[in-house]
N, C-alpha and C. Protein backbone atom coordinates (compact mmCIF):
# COMPACT_ATOMS: atom_id res chain seq x y z
N MET A 1 12.82 -72.14 -23.36
CA MET A 1 12.39 -71.30 -22.26
C MET A 1 13.56 -70.48 -21.73
N GLY A 2 13.26 -69.28 -21.26
CA GLY A 2 14.31 -68.47 -20.68
C GLY A 2 14.68 -68.97 -19.30
N ASN A 3 15.83 -68.55 -18.86
CA ASN A 3 16.31 -69.00 -17.54
C ASN A 3 15.43 -68.52 -16.40
N ASN A 4 14.67 -67.44 -16.65
CA ASN A 4 13.84 -66.87 -15.58
C ASN A 4 12.41 -67.42 -15.58
N PHE A 5 12.08 -68.33 -16.49
CA PHE A 5 10.73 -68.88 -16.53
C PHE A 5 10.49 -69.72 -15.28
N ASN A 6 9.34 -69.52 -14.68
CA ASN A 6 8.97 -70.27 -13.49
C ASN A 6 7.57 -70.82 -13.69
N GLU A 7 7.44 -72.14 -13.75
CA GLU A 7 6.16 -72.76 -14.00
C GLU A 7 5.16 -72.55 -12.88
N ASN A 8 5.63 -72.11 -11.73
CA ASN A 8 4.74 -71.86 -10.60
C ASN A 8 4.17 -70.44 -10.63
N TYR A 9 4.63 -69.60 -11.54
CA TYR A 9 4.07 -68.25 -11.68
C TYR A 9 2.71 -68.32 -12.34
N SER A 10 1.91 -67.27 -12.17
CA SER A 10 0.62 -67.18 -12.86
C SER A 10 0.85 -66.92 -14.34
N ASN A 11 0.22 -67.70 -15.20
CA ASN A 11 0.35 -67.53 -16.63
C ASN A 11 -0.76 -66.60 -17.15
N CYS A 12 -0.34 -65.51 -17.77
CA CYS A 12 -1.26 -64.50 -18.25
C CYS A 12 -1.22 -64.47 -19.78
N VAL A 13 -2.37 -64.61 -20.42
CA VAL A 13 -2.44 -64.66 -21.88
C VAL A 13 -3.77 -64.10 -22.32
N SER A 14 -3.82 -63.50 -23.48
CA SER A 14 -5.07 -62.88 -23.98
C SER A 14 -5.46 -63.48 -25.32
N ASN A 15 -6.69 -63.17 -25.73
CA ASN A 15 -7.14 -63.46 -27.09
C ASN A 15 -6.71 -62.30 -27.96
N GLN A 16 -5.70 -62.49 -28.79
CA GLN A 16 -5.12 -61.41 -29.58
C GLN A 16 -6.00 -61.10 -30.79
N ILE A 17 -6.32 -59.83 -30.96
CA ILE A 17 -7.29 -59.43 -32.01
C ILE A 17 -6.77 -58.29 -32.87
N HIS A 18 -5.45 -58.07 -32.88
CA HIS A 18 -4.83 -56.99 -33.67
C HIS A 18 -5.42 -55.63 -33.30
N SER A 19 -5.46 -55.38 -32.01
CA SER A 19 -6.07 -54.16 -31.47
C SER A 19 -5.01 -53.31 -30.77
N ASN A 20 -5.48 -52.28 -30.08
CA ASN A 20 -4.60 -51.52 -29.20
C ASN A 20 -5.08 -51.64 -27.75
N VAL A 21 -5.78 -52.72 -27.47
CA VAL A 21 -6.32 -52.94 -26.13
C VAL A 21 -5.22 -53.49 -25.21
N ILE A 22 -5.13 -52.90 -24.02
CA ILE A 22 -4.12 -53.27 -23.03
C ILE A 22 -4.84 -53.69 -21.75
N VAL A 23 -4.43 -54.81 -21.16
CA VAL A 23 -5.03 -55.27 -19.91
C VAL A 23 -3.91 -55.65 -18.92
N PHE A 24 -4.24 -55.62 -17.66
CA PHE A 24 -3.31 -56.10 -16.65
C PHE A 24 -3.31 -57.62 -16.64
N GLY A 25 -2.16 -58.18 -16.31
CA GLY A 25 -2.00 -59.62 -16.35
C GLY A 25 -3.01 -60.36 -15.51
N SER A 26 -3.30 -59.87 -14.31
CA SER A 26 -4.23 -60.57 -13.43
C SER A 26 -5.68 -60.55 -13.95
N HIS A 27 -5.95 -59.71 -14.96
CA HIS A 27 -7.30 -59.64 -15.53
C HIS A 27 -7.47 -60.54 -16.73
N SER A 28 -6.40 -61.19 -17.15
CA SER A 28 -6.48 -62.06 -18.32
C SER A 28 -5.54 -63.25 -18.13
N GLN A 29 -6.10 -64.28 -17.48
CA GLN A 29 -5.33 -65.47 -17.18
C GLN A 29 -6.03 -66.69 -17.77
N GLU A 30 -5.35 -67.82 -17.71
CA GLU A 30 -5.91 -69.05 -18.23
C GLU A 30 -7.28 -69.29 -17.62
N GLY A 31 -8.26 -69.54 -18.49
CA GLY A 31 -9.62 -69.76 -18.03
C GLY A 31 -10.45 -68.49 -17.99
N ASN A 32 -9.81 -67.35 -18.11
CA ASN A 32 -10.53 -66.07 -18.09
C ASN A 32 -9.81 -65.06 -18.97
N LYS A 33 -9.58 -65.44 -20.22
CA LYS A 33 -8.80 -64.61 -21.13
C LYS A 33 -9.65 -63.45 -21.69
N LYS A 34 -9.03 -62.29 -21.79
CA LYS A 34 -9.66 -61.11 -22.36
C LYS A 34 -9.17 -60.88 -23.78
N ASP A 35 -9.95 -60.14 -24.56
CA ASP A 35 -9.51 -59.72 -25.88
C ASP A 35 -8.57 -58.54 -25.72
N ALA A 36 -7.31 -58.73 -26.07
CA ALA A 36 -6.30 -57.67 -25.90
C ALA A 36 -5.03 -58.08 -26.62
N ASP A 37 -4.16 -57.09 -26.87
CA ASP A 37 -2.88 -57.36 -27.52
C ASP A 37 -1.68 -56.91 -26.74
N ALA A 38 -1.91 -56.48 -25.52
CA ALA A 38 -0.80 -56.15 -24.63
C ALA A 38 -1.18 -56.52 -23.20
N LEU A 39 -0.22 -57.10 -22.50
CA LEU A 39 -0.39 -57.48 -21.11
C LEU A 39 0.64 -56.73 -20.27
N VAL A 40 0.15 -56.14 -19.19
CA VAL A 40 1.01 -55.40 -18.28
C VAL A 40 1.05 -56.13 -16.94
N GLY A 41 2.23 -56.40 -16.45
CA GLY A 41 2.36 -57.05 -15.15
C GLY A 41 1.90 -56.13 -14.04
N ASN A 42 0.99 -56.61 -13.21
CA ASN A 42 0.51 -55.80 -12.08
C ASN A 42 0.69 -56.51 -10.75
N LYS A 43 1.34 -57.67 -10.80
CA LYS A 43 1.68 -58.41 -9.60
C LYS A 43 3.01 -59.09 -9.81
N CYS A 44 3.66 -59.44 -8.73
CA CYS A 44 4.87 -60.24 -8.86
C CYS A 44 4.52 -61.66 -9.25
N SER A 45 5.47 -62.37 -9.80
CA SER A 45 5.32 -63.79 -10.13
C SER A 45 4.27 -64.03 -11.21
N GLN A 46 4.35 -63.25 -12.28
CA GLN A 46 3.49 -63.44 -13.43
C GLN A 46 4.32 -63.76 -14.67
N ASN A 47 3.86 -64.70 -15.49
CA ASN A 47 4.40 -64.95 -16.82
C ASN A 47 3.46 -64.29 -17.83
N LEU A 48 3.95 -63.28 -18.53
CA LEU A 48 3.15 -62.58 -19.55
C LEU A 48 3.49 -63.15 -20.92
N TRP A 49 2.49 -63.76 -21.57
CA TRP A 49 2.70 -64.47 -22.84
C TRP A 49 2.05 -63.73 -24.00
N VAL A 50 2.74 -63.68 -25.13
CA VAL A 50 2.13 -63.31 -26.41
C VAL A 50 2.55 -64.34 -27.44
N TYR A 51 1.67 -64.59 -28.42
CA TYR A 51 1.98 -65.57 -29.47
C TYR A 51 2.03 -64.86 -30.82
N THR A 52 2.97 -65.27 -31.65
CA THR A 52 3.22 -64.58 -32.93
C THR A 52 3.53 -65.59 -34.03
N ALA A 53 3.30 -65.15 -35.27
CA ALA A 53 3.69 -65.94 -36.44
C ALA A 53 3.96 -65.03 -37.62
N ASP A 54 4.62 -63.94 -37.38
CA ASP A 54 5.07 -62.90 -38.31
C ASP A 54 5.01 -61.53 -37.66
N CYS A 55 4.01 -61.31 -36.81
CA CYS A 55 3.95 -60.06 -36.03
C CYS A 55 5.11 -60.01 -35.05
N MET A 56 5.30 -58.85 -34.46
CA MET A 56 6.39 -58.64 -33.53
C MET A 56 5.97 -58.93 -32.08
N PRO A 57 6.77 -59.70 -31.35
CA PRO A 57 6.63 -59.69 -29.90
C PRO A 57 7.50 -58.57 -29.36
N ILE A 58 6.91 -57.68 -28.61
CA ILE A 58 7.66 -56.55 -28.07
C ILE A 58 7.54 -56.58 -26.54
N PHE A 59 8.68 -56.42 -25.89
CA PHE A 59 8.70 -56.45 -24.43
C PHE A 59 9.24 -55.14 -23.89
N LEU A 60 8.61 -54.63 -22.85
CA LEU A 60 9.05 -53.41 -22.21
C LEU A 60 9.32 -53.71 -20.74
N ALA A 61 10.35 -53.09 -20.20
CA ALA A 61 10.69 -53.30 -18.80
C ALA A 61 11.33 -52.03 -18.23
N ASP A 62 10.85 -51.64 -17.07
CA ASP A 62 11.45 -50.53 -16.35
C ASP A 62 12.53 -51.09 -15.43
N LYS A 63 13.77 -50.76 -15.70
CA LYS A 63 14.87 -51.35 -14.95
C LYS A 63 14.95 -50.86 -13.52
N LYS A 64 14.21 -49.80 -13.20
CA LYS A 64 14.21 -49.28 -11.83
C LYS A 64 13.02 -49.82 -11.03
N THR A 65 11.79 -49.64 -11.57
CA THR A 65 10.61 -50.10 -10.85
C THR A 65 10.32 -51.59 -11.10
N ARG A 66 10.90 -52.14 -12.17
CA ARG A 66 10.78 -53.53 -12.56
C ARG A 66 9.36 -53.87 -13.06
N ASN A 67 8.60 -52.86 -13.48
CA ASN A 67 7.35 -53.12 -14.18
C ASN A 67 7.66 -53.63 -15.57
N VAL A 68 6.84 -54.57 -16.07
CA VAL A 68 7.08 -55.18 -17.37
C VAL A 68 5.78 -55.27 -18.16
N ALA A 69 5.92 -55.46 -19.50
CA ALA A 69 4.76 -55.63 -20.36
C ALA A 69 5.17 -56.45 -21.58
N ALA A 70 4.19 -57.15 -22.15
CA ALA A 70 4.39 -57.93 -23.36
C ALA A 70 3.35 -57.49 -24.39
N VAL A 71 3.79 -57.32 -25.65
CA VAL A 71 2.91 -56.80 -26.68
C VAL A 71 2.97 -57.69 -27.94
N HIS A 72 1.81 -57.93 -28.52
CA HIS A 72 1.71 -58.52 -29.84
C HIS A 72 1.40 -57.37 -30.80
N CYS A 73 2.29 -57.13 -31.76
CA CYS A 73 2.15 -55.94 -32.60
C CYS A 73 2.51 -56.23 -34.05
N GLY A 74 1.56 -56.03 -34.92
CA GLY A 74 1.80 -56.12 -36.36
C GLY A 74 1.40 -54.82 -37.03
N ARG A 75 1.02 -54.91 -38.29
CA ARG A 75 0.64 -53.69 -39.03
C ARG A 75 -0.53 -52.96 -38.36
N LYS A 76 -1.55 -53.72 -37.97
CA LYS A 76 -2.73 -53.10 -37.36
C LYS A 76 -2.37 -52.47 -36.00
N GLY A 77 -1.54 -53.16 -35.23
CA GLY A 77 -1.15 -52.61 -33.95
C GLY A 77 -0.38 -51.32 -34.08
N LEU A 78 0.48 -51.23 -35.10
CA LEU A 78 1.23 -50.01 -35.34
C LEU A 78 0.30 -48.88 -35.79
N GLU A 79 -0.67 -49.21 -36.64
CA GLU A 79 -1.63 -48.21 -37.10
C GLU A 79 -2.47 -47.68 -35.93
N LYS A 80 -2.78 -48.57 -34.99
CA LYS A 80 -3.63 -48.17 -33.85
C LYS A 80 -2.82 -47.64 -32.67
N LYS A 81 -1.49 -47.51 -32.87
CA LYS A 81 -0.58 -46.90 -31.90
C LYS A 81 -0.59 -47.60 -30.54
N ILE A 82 -0.55 -48.93 -30.56
CA ILE A 82 -0.53 -49.66 -29.30
C ILE A 82 0.75 -49.38 -28.50
N ILE A 83 1.86 -49.16 -29.21
CA ILE A 83 3.11 -48.85 -28.52
C ILE A 83 2.99 -47.54 -27.76
N ASN A 84 2.49 -46.52 -28.41
CA ASN A 84 2.35 -45.22 -27.80
C ASN A 84 1.42 -45.28 -26.58
N LYS A 85 0.35 -46.04 -26.74
CA LYS A 85 -0.62 -46.18 -25.65
C LYS A 85 0.00 -46.90 -24.46
N LEU A 86 0.84 -47.90 -24.74
CA LEU A 86 1.46 -48.66 -23.66
C LEU A 86 2.50 -47.82 -22.92
N VAL A 87 3.24 -47.00 -23.65
CA VAL A 87 4.21 -46.13 -22.98
C VAL A 87 3.53 -45.22 -21.99
N LYS A 88 2.31 -44.77 -22.31
CA LYS A 88 1.57 -43.92 -21.38
C LYS A 88 1.20 -44.69 -20.11
N VAL A 89 0.98 -46.00 -20.22
CA VAL A 89 0.73 -46.81 -19.01
C VAL A 89 1.96 -46.78 -18.12
N PHE A 90 3.13 -46.90 -18.73
CA PHE A 90 4.37 -46.83 -17.94
C PHE A 90 4.56 -45.44 -17.34
N ASP A 91 4.10 -44.41 -18.03
CA ASP A 91 4.15 -43.07 -17.45
C ASP A 91 3.36 -43.01 -16.16
N ASN A 92 2.21 -43.71 -16.15
CA ASN A 92 1.38 -43.74 -14.95
C ASN A 92 2.07 -44.47 -13.80
N PHE A 93 3.01 -45.35 -14.13
CA PHE A 93 3.79 -46.02 -13.10
C PHE A 93 4.92 -45.14 -12.56
N GLY A 94 5.12 -44.00 -13.22
CA GLY A 94 6.22 -43.12 -12.83
C GLY A 94 7.53 -43.48 -13.50
N THR A 95 7.46 -44.21 -14.61
CA THR A 95 8.67 -44.65 -15.31
C THR A 95 9.37 -43.48 -16.01
N SER A 96 10.66 -43.41 -15.84
CA SER A 96 11.48 -42.48 -16.61
C SER A 96 11.80 -43.12 -17.96
N ARG A 97 11.74 -42.35 -19.02
CA ARG A 97 12.02 -42.91 -20.36
C ARG A 97 13.46 -43.47 -20.43
N ASP A 98 14.36 -42.88 -19.67
CA ASP A 98 15.73 -43.36 -19.67
C ASP A 98 15.86 -44.74 -19.03
N ASN A 99 14.87 -45.13 -18.22
CA ASN A 99 14.91 -46.43 -17.56
C ASN A 99 14.08 -47.49 -18.28
N LEU A 100 13.43 -47.11 -19.36
CA LEU A 100 12.55 -48.05 -20.07
C LEU A 100 13.33 -48.80 -21.14
N LEU A 101 13.43 -50.11 -20.97
CA LEU A 101 14.14 -50.97 -21.92
C LEU A 101 13.12 -51.67 -22.81
N VAL A 102 13.45 -51.80 -24.10
CA VAL A 102 12.53 -52.39 -25.08
C VAL A 102 13.27 -53.44 -25.90
N ALA A 103 12.62 -54.59 -26.09
CA ALA A 103 13.16 -55.63 -26.97
C ALA A 103 12.10 -56.02 -27.99
N ILE A 104 12.48 -55.98 -29.26
CA ILE A 104 11.60 -56.42 -30.35
C ILE A 104 12.12 -57.75 -30.85
N GLY A 105 11.30 -58.78 -30.77
CA GLY A 105 11.73 -60.13 -31.10
C GLY A 105 11.61 -60.46 -32.58
N PRO A 106 11.87 -61.71 -32.94
CA PRO A 106 11.80 -62.15 -34.33
C PRO A 106 10.42 -61.87 -34.94
N ALA A 107 10.43 -61.39 -36.17
CA ALA A 107 9.21 -61.07 -36.90
C ALA A 107 9.53 -61.08 -38.39
N ILE A 108 8.52 -60.95 -39.19
CA ILE A 108 8.75 -60.96 -40.64
C ILE A 108 9.57 -59.73 -41.06
N SER A 109 10.52 -59.94 -41.94
CA SER A 109 11.35 -58.84 -42.43
C SER A 109 10.63 -58.15 -43.58
N LYS A 110 11.08 -56.94 -43.88
CA LYS A 110 10.40 -56.18 -44.94
C LYS A 110 10.57 -56.87 -46.31
N GLU A 111 11.66 -57.62 -46.49
CA GLU A 111 11.88 -58.29 -47.77
C GLU A 111 10.78 -59.30 -48.08
N HIS A 112 10.09 -59.77 -47.05
CA HIS A 112 9.06 -60.79 -47.25
C HIS A 112 7.66 -60.30 -46.88
N TYR A 113 7.56 -59.01 -46.52
CA TYR A 113 6.25 -58.47 -46.21
C TYR A 113 5.89 -57.44 -47.28
N LEU A 114 5.21 -57.89 -48.31
CA LEU A 114 4.89 -57.06 -49.46
C LEU A 114 3.41 -56.69 -49.45
N VAL A 115 3.14 -55.40 -49.65
CA VAL A 115 1.77 -54.92 -49.65
C VAL A 115 1.54 -54.05 -50.88
N ASP A 116 0.26 -53.84 -51.22
CA ASP A 116 -0.04 -52.99 -52.37
C ASP A 116 0.11 -51.52 -51.97
N LYS A 117 0.08 -50.67 -52.96
CA LYS A 117 0.36 -49.26 -52.73
C LYS A 117 -0.69 -48.60 -51.84
N ILE A 118 -1.94 -49.02 -51.98
CA ILE A 118 -3.00 -48.44 -51.17
C ILE A 118 -2.79 -48.77 -49.70
N THR A 119 -2.46 -50.04 -49.43
CA THR A 119 -2.22 -50.48 -48.06
C THR A 119 -1.03 -49.75 -47.47
N PHE A 120 0.03 -49.60 -48.28
CA PHE A 120 1.23 -48.92 -47.82
C PHE A 120 0.95 -47.47 -47.50
N LYS A 121 0.19 -46.80 -48.35
CA LYS A 121 -0.14 -45.39 -48.14
C LYS A 121 -1.00 -45.22 -46.89
N GLU A 122 -1.94 -46.11 -46.70
CA GLU A 122 -2.82 -46.04 -45.54
C GLU A 122 -2.03 -46.31 -44.26
N PHE A 123 -1.09 -47.24 -44.33
CA PHE A 123 -0.25 -47.52 -43.17
C PHE A 123 0.57 -46.30 -42.77
N ASN A 124 1.18 -45.67 -43.74
CA ASN A 124 1.99 -44.48 -43.44
C ASN A 124 1.15 -43.36 -42.87
N ARG A 125 -0.07 -43.23 -43.36
CA ARG A 125 -0.96 -42.18 -42.86
C ARG A 125 -1.30 -42.39 -41.39
N LYS A 126 -1.50 -43.65 -41.01
CA LYS A 126 -1.93 -43.95 -39.65
C LYS A 126 -0.78 -44.17 -38.68
N ALA A 127 0.27 -44.84 -39.14
CA ALA A 127 1.32 -45.30 -38.23
C ALA A 127 2.48 -44.33 -38.09
N GLU A 128 2.77 -43.57 -39.13
CA GLU A 128 3.95 -42.72 -39.09
C GLU A 128 3.62 -41.36 -38.48
N ASN A 129 4.41 -40.92 -37.54
CA ASN A 129 4.23 -39.63 -36.91
C ASN A 129 4.92 -38.57 -37.78
N LYS A 130 4.15 -37.59 -38.19
CA LYS A 130 4.71 -36.54 -39.07
C LYS A 130 5.65 -35.59 -38.33
N LYS A 131 5.50 -35.52 -37.01
CA LYS A 131 6.34 -34.62 -36.21
C LYS A 131 7.52 -35.40 -35.65
N ILE A 132 8.43 -35.75 -36.50
CA ILE A 132 9.59 -36.52 -36.06
C ILE A 132 10.47 -35.64 -35.18
N THR A 133 10.85 -36.20 -34.01
CA THR A 133 11.60 -35.40 -33.04
C THR A 133 13.01 -35.95 -32.82
N PHE A 134 13.47 -36.83 -33.73
CA PHE A 134 14.78 -37.42 -33.52
C PHE A 134 15.55 -37.45 -34.84
N ASN A 135 16.84 -37.68 -34.75
CA ASN A 135 17.71 -37.69 -35.91
C ASN A 135 17.77 -39.09 -36.51
N LEU A 136 17.01 -39.32 -37.58
CA LEU A 136 16.96 -40.65 -38.18
C LEU A 136 18.30 -41.08 -38.75
N SER A 137 19.07 -40.15 -39.29
CA SER A 137 20.33 -40.53 -39.92
C SER A 137 21.28 -41.16 -38.92
N THR A 138 21.16 -40.77 -37.65
CA THR A 138 22.04 -41.33 -36.62
C THR A 138 21.46 -42.63 -36.07
N THR A 139 20.19 -42.60 -35.66
CA THR A 139 19.60 -43.75 -34.99
C THR A 139 19.38 -44.93 -35.92
N GLU A 140 18.92 -44.68 -37.13
CA GLU A 140 18.64 -45.80 -38.04
C GLU A 140 19.93 -46.39 -38.58
N LYS A 141 20.96 -45.60 -38.68
CA LYS A 141 22.28 -46.14 -39.08
C LYS A 141 22.75 -47.14 -38.02
N ASP A 142 22.46 -46.82 -36.75
CA ASP A 142 22.86 -47.69 -35.65
C ASP A 142 22.21 -49.07 -35.77
N HIS A 143 20.97 -49.12 -36.26
CA HIS A 143 20.25 -50.38 -36.39
C HIS A 143 20.28 -50.94 -37.81
N CYS A 144 21.04 -50.32 -38.68
CA CYS A 144 21.30 -50.85 -40.04
C CYS A 144 20.02 -51.06 -40.83
N PHE A 145 19.07 -50.11 -40.77
CA PHE A 145 17.89 -50.20 -41.62
C PHE A 145 18.26 -49.79 -43.04
N SER A 146 17.64 -50.45 -44.00
CA SER A 146 17.93 -50.15 -45.40
C SER A 146 16.71 -49.53 -46.05
N ASP A 147 16.93 -48.61 -46.98
CA ASP A 147 15.83 -47.98 -47.71
C ASP A 147 15.59 -48.65 -49.07
N SER A 148 16.32 -49.70 -49.37
CA SER A 148 16.15 -50.36 -50.66
C SER A 148 14.78 -51.02 -50.74
N ASN A 149 14.18 -50.99 -51.92
CA ASN A 149 12.88 -51.59 -52.14
C ASN A 149 12.83 -52.08 -53.58
N HIS A 150 12.91 -53.39 -53.75
CA HIS A 150 13.08 -53.95 -55.08
C HIS A 150 11.78 -54.33 -55.77
N PHE A 151 10.63 -54.06 -55.13
CA PHE A 151 9.37 -54.55 -55.69
C PHE A 151 8.45 -53.43 -56.16
N LYS A 152 8.93 -52.20 -56.20
CA LYS A 152 8.08 -51.10 -56.61
C LYS A 152 7.59 -51.25 -58.04
N ASP A 153 8.42 -51.82 -58.90
CA ASP A 153 8.04 -51.99 -60.30
C ASP A 153 6.91 -52.99 -60.46
N GLN A 154 6.66 -53.84 -59.46
CA GLN A 154 5.60 -54.83 -59.53
C GLN A 154 4.36 -54.36 -58.76
N ASN A 155 4.32 -53.07 -58.42
CA ASN A 155 3.21 -52.49 -57.66
C ASN A 155 3.09 -53.06 -56.26
N LEU A 156 4.16 -53.66 -55.77
CA LEU A 156 4.20 -54.13 -54.40
C LEU A 156 5.33 -53.41 -53.68
N ILE A 157 5.08 -53.09 -52.43
CA ILE A 157 6.05 -52.34 -51.66
C ILE A 157 6.39 -53.10 -50.37
N GLN A 158 7.64 -53.09 -50.01
CA GLN A 158 8.08 -53.74 -48.77
C GLN A 158 7.71 -52.87 -47.58
N LEU A 159 7.04 -53.49 -46.61
CA LEU A 159 6.64 -52.78 -45.40
C LEU A 159 7.49 -53.28 -44.25
N ASP A 160 8.21 -52.37 -43.61
CA ASP A 160 9.15 -52.69 -42.56
C ASP A 160 8.52 -52.45 -41.19
N LEU A 161 7.98 -53.51 -40.60
CA LEU A 161 7.30 -53.39 -39.31
C LEU A 161 8.27 -52.99 -38.20
N LYS A 162 9.44 -53.60 -38.20
CA LYS A 162 10.39 -53.32 -37.13
C LYS A 162 10.86 -51.87 -37.17
N ARG A 163 11.08 -51.36 -38.36
CA ARG A 163 11.52 -49.98 -38.50
C ARG A 163 10.45 -49.02 -38.00
N SER A 164 9.19 -49.31 -38.37
CA SER A 164 8.10 -48.45 -37.93
C SER A 164 7.95 -48.47 -36.42
N ALA A 165 8.07 -49.65 -35.83
CA ALA A 165 7.99 -49.76 -34.37
C ALA A 165 9.13 -48.98 -33.72
N TYR A 166 10.30 -49.09 -34.29
CA TYR A 166 11.48 -48.38 -33.79
C TYR A 166 11.24 -46.88 -33.82
N ARG A 167 10.70 -46.38 -34.90
CA ARG A 167 10.44 -44.95 -35.04
C ARG A 167 9.40 -44.48 -34.02
N GLN A 168 8.38 -45.31 -33.80
CA GLN A 168 7.38 -44.92 -32.81
C GLN A 168 7.97 -44.85 -31.41
N LEU A 169 8.85 -45.80 -31.12
CA LEU A 169 9.52 -45.80 -29.81
C LEU A 169 10.40 -44.57 -29.65
N LEU A 170 11.15 -44.24 -30.67
CA LEU A 170 12.00 -43.05 -30.61
C LEU A 170 11.17 -41.79 -30.44
N ASN A 171 10.01 -41.77 -31.09
CA ASN A 171 9.18 -40.57 -30.98
C ASN A 171 8.52 -40.45 -29.62
N GLU A 172 8.59 -41.52 -28.82
CA GLU A 172 8.15 -41.46 -27.44
C GLU A 172 9.32 -41.10 -26.51
N ASN A 173 10.43 -40.69 -27.12
CA ASN A 173 11.62 -40.24 -26.38
C ASN A 173 12.30 -41.36 -25.60
N ILE A 174 12.18 -42.58 -26.10
CA ILE A 174 12.95 -43.69 -25.55
C ILE A 174 14.32 -43.70 -26.22
N PRO A 175 15.39 -43.66 -25.48
CA PRO A 175 16.73 -43.60 -26.10
C PRO A 175 16.97 -44.82 -27.02
N PHE A 176 17.57 -44.58 -28.17
CA PHE A 176 17.82 -45.69 -29.08
C PHE A 176 18.77 -46.73 -28.49
N THR A 177 19.57 -46.31 -27.52
CA THR A 177 20.46 -47.27 -26.86
C THR A 177 19.69 -48.21 -25.93
N ASN A 178 18.43 -47.91 -25.64
CA ASN A 178 17.59 -48.76 -24.79
C ASN A 178 16.74 -49.74 -25.60
N ILE A 179 16.89 -49.73 -26.92
CA ILE A 179 16.04 -50.55 -27.80
C ILE A 179 16.87 -51.63 -28.48
N ASP A 180 16.48 -52.86 -28.32
CA ASP A 180 17.15 -53.98 -28.97
C ASP A 180 16.20 -54.62 -29.98
N ILE A 181 16.67 -54.85 -31.20
CA ILE A 181 15.82 -55.36 -32.27
C ILE A 181 16.43 -56.61 -32.87
N SER A 182 15.70 -57.72 -32.83
CA SER A 182 16.17 -58.95 -33.45
C SER A 182 16.16 -58.81 -34.96
N ASN A 183 17.20 -59.32 -35.62
CA ASN A 183 17.23 -59.30 -37.09
C ASN A 183 16.74 -60.61 -37.68
N LEU A 184 16.16 -61.50 -36.86
CA LEU A 184 15.67 -62.78 -37.35
C LEU A 184 14.32 -62.63 -38.03
N CYS A 185 14.17 -63.27 -39.18
CA CYS A 185 12.94 -63.19 -39.98
C CYS A 185 12.15 -64.49 -39.84
N THR A 186 10.91 -64.39 -39.40
CA THR A 186 10.09 -65.58 -39.22
C THR A 186 9.70 -66.24 -40.54
N TYR A 187 9.63 -65.44 -41.60
CA TYR A 187 9.29 -65.99 -42.92
C TYR A 187 10.47 -66.76 -43.52
N LYS A 188 11.65 -66.20 -43.42
CA LYS A 188 12.82 -66.77 -44.06
C LYS A 188 13.32 -68.03 -43.36
N LEU A 189 13.30 -68.04 -42.03
CA LEU A 189 13.89 -69.14 -41.26
C LEU A 189 12.84 -70.24 -41.04
N LYS A 190 12.69 -71.06 -42.05
CA LYS A 190 11.61 -72.05 -42.06
C LYS A 190 11.73 -73.09 -40.97
N ASN A 191 12.96 -73.42 -40.59
CA ASN A 191 13.16 -74.47 -39.59
C ASN A 191 13.08 -73.96 -38.15
N GLU A 192 13.10 -72.64 -37.99
CA GLU A 192 13.12 -72.06 -36.66
C GLU A 192 11.79 -71.44 -36.24
N PHE A 193 11.02 -70.92 -37.22
CA PHE A 193 9.84 -70.14 -36.86
C PHE A 193 8.62 -70.51 -37.71
N ASN A 194 7.45 -70.32 -37.11
CA ASN A 194 6.19 -70.41 -37.83
C ASN A 194 5.93 -69.07 -38.51
N SER A 195 5.34 -69.12 -39.70
CA SER A 195 5.05 -67.89 -40.44
C SER A 195 3.70 -68.03 -41.13
N TRP A 196 2.80 -67.13 -40.80
CA TRP A 196 1.48 -67.13 -41.42
C TRP A 196 1.59 -66.78 -42.90
N ARG A 197 2.39 -65.81 -43.23
CA ARG A 197 2.51 -65.40 -44.63
C ARG A 197 3.16 -66.48 -45.49
N ARG A 198 4.02 -67.26 -44.91
CA ARG A 198 4.70 -68.31 -45.68
C ARG A 198 3.83 -69.52 -45.92
N SER A 199 3.08 -69.95 -44.90
CA SER A 199 2.39 -71.23 -45.01
C SER A 199 0.96 -71.26 -44.48
N LYS A 200 0.44 -70.09 -44.05
CA LYS A 200 -0.91 -70.01 -43.46
C LYS A 200 -1.07 -70.99 -42.30
N THR A 201 -0.02 -71.18 -41.55
CA THR A 201 -0.04 -72.12 -40.43
C THR A 201 -0.88 -71.58 -39.28
N ILE A 202 -1.42 -72.51 -38.49
CA ILE A 202 -2.11 -72.10 -37.26
C ILE A 202 -1.16 -72.18 -36.07
N SER A 203 0.06 -72.65 -36.31
CA SER A 203 1.06 -72.76 -35.24
C SER A 203 1.66 -71.38 -34.96
N ARG A 204 2.11 -71.20 -33.73
CA ARG A 204 2.63 -69.89 -33.31
C ARG A 204 3.89 -70.04 -32.49
N GLN A 205 4.67 -68.96 -32.42
CA GLN A 205 5.75 -68.83 -31.44
C GLN A 205 5.14 -68.27 -30.16
N TRP A 206 5.55 -68.83 -29.02
CA TRP A 206 5.13 -68.29 -27.74
C TRP A 206 6.29 -67.52 -27.13
N ASN A 207 6.02 -66.30 -26.71
CA ASN A 207 7.05 -65.41 -26.19
C ASN A 207 6.60 -64.88 -24.83
N LEU A 208 7.56 -64.79 -23.90
CA LEU A 208 7.14 -64.33 -22.58
C LEU A 208 8.17 -63.43 -21.90
N ILE A 209 7.65 -62.67 -20.97
CA ILE A 209 8.47 -61.91 -20.03
C ILE A 209 7.90 -62.17 -18.63
N CYS A 210 8.74 -62.24 -17.64
CA CYS A 210 8.30 -62.57 -16.28
C CYS A 210 8.38 -61.34 -15.39
N SER A 211 7.37 -61.19 -14.56
CA SER A 211 7.38 -60.08 -13.60
C SER A 211 7.91 -60.54 -12.25
């Protein structure tokens, strides 16, 4: 648990369905959970929880207004632009992009997330923004993304969820210096994380941010 976890706060959690549905924390609490993949804090003293087992836990926080959100985001979430939709919620709060901090937690690495060519093509069609407004050579070098792909000869392609999320965030004009990305892989680190792709487990990592 983080140092800021408070068991007396309201615990907010949703039924995650790989969607782009966003709800306020007070509308999805224990005993009255909604189907959604992002929770936005709308009151003080809330614990916003998401559970993952290869998908990304993504947290957003406005360092000035102190509004926060927790997101469960995998391939489907990226395709449905849940990140972009959530940033618009922060716009409604009056958040400046320069004040918006983002953390992407442990998730499956591209080396262990292999998809067929049709899936990869469809993902790029839906998730990638063709109107890139930032300098990839500078920003991606900062986060050490690699373009290597060793499985093309086997008709399987590595899909990099973290990189795609990063690009979507940059295209929302969030400064790359405001984005922190964990390099931990849930598939590779067997003793630390649960991984659906590795073992089809029903166990999950629980991740939270407090309002």
